[in-house]
Amino acid sequence: MVKEEKMIFEWKDDYSVTIESIDVQHKKLFQILNHLHKSLSEQKSDTDVNKTLKEMEAYTICHFDLEENLMNENGFEKFEEHKKEYEFF
């Protein structure tokens, strides 16, 4: 019998922004975070942990770019405020 793995970070429909492409990316970020948590809790090698961190960094940059483009294209009134938050990250 295969034990079902408990995810520490679980997607909830309450997190949805109702834009499918963004929700899909948010769910992927949850998967990456769960993989990182698993790697750390199982004391995986530094190489594995660093690979996951680099994946998270690259995916987050891609995700922020998509969100910024969508906000800008749709005249989101708090675009500049969000852009500053992304730059801080």
Protein backbone atom coordinates (compact mmCIF):
# COMPACT_ATOMS: atom_id res chain seq x y z
CA MET A 1 0.00 0.00 0.00
CA VAL A 2 1.38 3.39 -1.00
CA LYS A 3 1.20 6.04 1.68
CA GLU A 4 -0.27 9.29 0.39
CA GLU A 5 2.10 12.15 1.00
CA LYS A 6 0.74 15.11 2.96
CA MET A 7 1.50 18.43 1.36
CA ILE A 8 2.43 21.21 3.74
CA PHE A 9 1.33 23.87 1.25
CA GLU A 10 -2.08 23.02 -0.17
CA TRP A 11 -3.90 24.94 -2.88
CA LYS A 12 -7.36 26.15 -1.91
CA ASP A 13 -9.94 27.53 -4.31
CA ASP A 14 -10.04 30.64 -2.09
CA TYR A 15 -6.59 31.51 -3.49
CA SER A 16 -7.88 31.68 -7.04
CA VAL A 17 -7.63 35.00 -8.85
CA THR A 18 -10.04 33.62 -11.49
CA ILE A 19 -7.45 33.99 -14.24
CA GLU A 20 -6.61 30.44 -15.30
CA SER A 21 -3.04 31.11 -16.44
CA ILE A 22 -2.21 32.80 -13.13
CA ASP A 23 -3.92 30.12 -11.04
CA VAL A 24 -1.99 27.40 -12.91
CA GLN A 25 1.26 29.18 -12.13
CA HIS A 26 0.30 29.69 -8.48
CA LYS A 27 -0.40 25.95 -8.21
CA LYS A 28 3.02 25.20 -9.74
CA LEU A 29 4.65 27.45 -7.12
CA PHE A 30 2.86 25.41 -4.43
CA GLN A 31 4.32 22.23 -5.98
CA ILE A 32 7.82 23.68 -5.95
CA LEU A 33 7.44 24.80 -2.32
CA ASN A 34 6.23 21.34 -1.34
CA HIS A 35 9.20 19.75 -3.09
CA LEU A 36 11.53 22.12 -1.26
CA HIS A 37 9.90 21.30 2.08
CA LYS A 38 10.21 17.58 1.38
CA SER A 39 13.86 17.94 0.37
CA LEU A 40 14.65 19.84 3.54
CA SER A 41 12.67 17.56 5.87
CA GLU A 42 14.32 14.48 4.35
CA GLN A 43 17.72 16.18 4.58
CA LYS A 44 18.40 15.79 0.87
CA SER A 45 21.73 16.93 -0.51
CA ASP A 46 22.61 20.60 -0.85
CA THR A 47 22.65 20.02 -4.60
CA ASP A 48 19.00 18.90 -4.58
CA VAL A 49 17.92 21.79 -2.34
CA ASN A 50 19.83 24.33 -4.43
CA LYS A 51 18.32 22.93 -7.64
CA THR A 52 14.83 23.41 -6.20
CA LEU A 53 15.64 26.93 -5.00
CA LYS A 54 16.92 27.84 -8.46
CA GLU A 55 13.77 26.38 -10.02
CA MET A 56 11.64 28.45 -7.64
CA GLU A 57 13.61 31.60 -8.43
CA ALA A 58 13.35 31.12 -12.20
CA TYR A 59 9.66 30.21 -12.08
CA THR A 60 8.85 33.15 -9.80
CA ILE A 61 10.58 35.59 -12.16
CA CYS A 62 8.61 34.14 -15.09
CA HIS A 63 5.40 34.31 -13.06
CA PHE A 64 5.94 37.93 -12.01
CA ASP A 65 6.62 38.88 -15.63
CA LEU A 66 3.32 37.34 -16.71
CA GLU A 67 1.40 39.04 -13.90
CA GLU A 68 3.01 42.41 -14.65
CA ASN A 69 2.17 42.10 -18.34
CA LEU A 70 -1.45 41.20 -17.60
CA MET A 71 -1.80 44.07 -15.10
CA ASN A 72 -0.25 46.55 -17.51
CA GLU A 73 -2.30 45.37 -20.51
CA ASN A 74 -5.52 45.59 -18.51
CA GLY A 75 -4.88 48.98 -16.93
CA PHE A 76 -4.66 47.66 -13.36
CA GLU A 77 -4.75 50.84 -11.28
CA LYS A 78 -2.31 49.57 -8.61
CA PHE A 79 0.23 48.36 -11.19
CA GLU A 80 3.10 50.54 -9.98
CA GLU A 81 2.51 49.49 -6.36
CA HIS A 82 2.63 45.80 -7.31
CA LYS A 83 5.67 46.32 -9.51
CA LYS A 84 7.58 47.79 -6.54
CA GLU A 85 6.63 44.76 -4.43
CA TYR A 86 7.92 42.42 -7.15
CA GLU A 87 11.17 44.37 -7.43
CA PHE A 88 11.64 44.06 -3.66
CA PHE A 89 11.24 40.30 -3.94
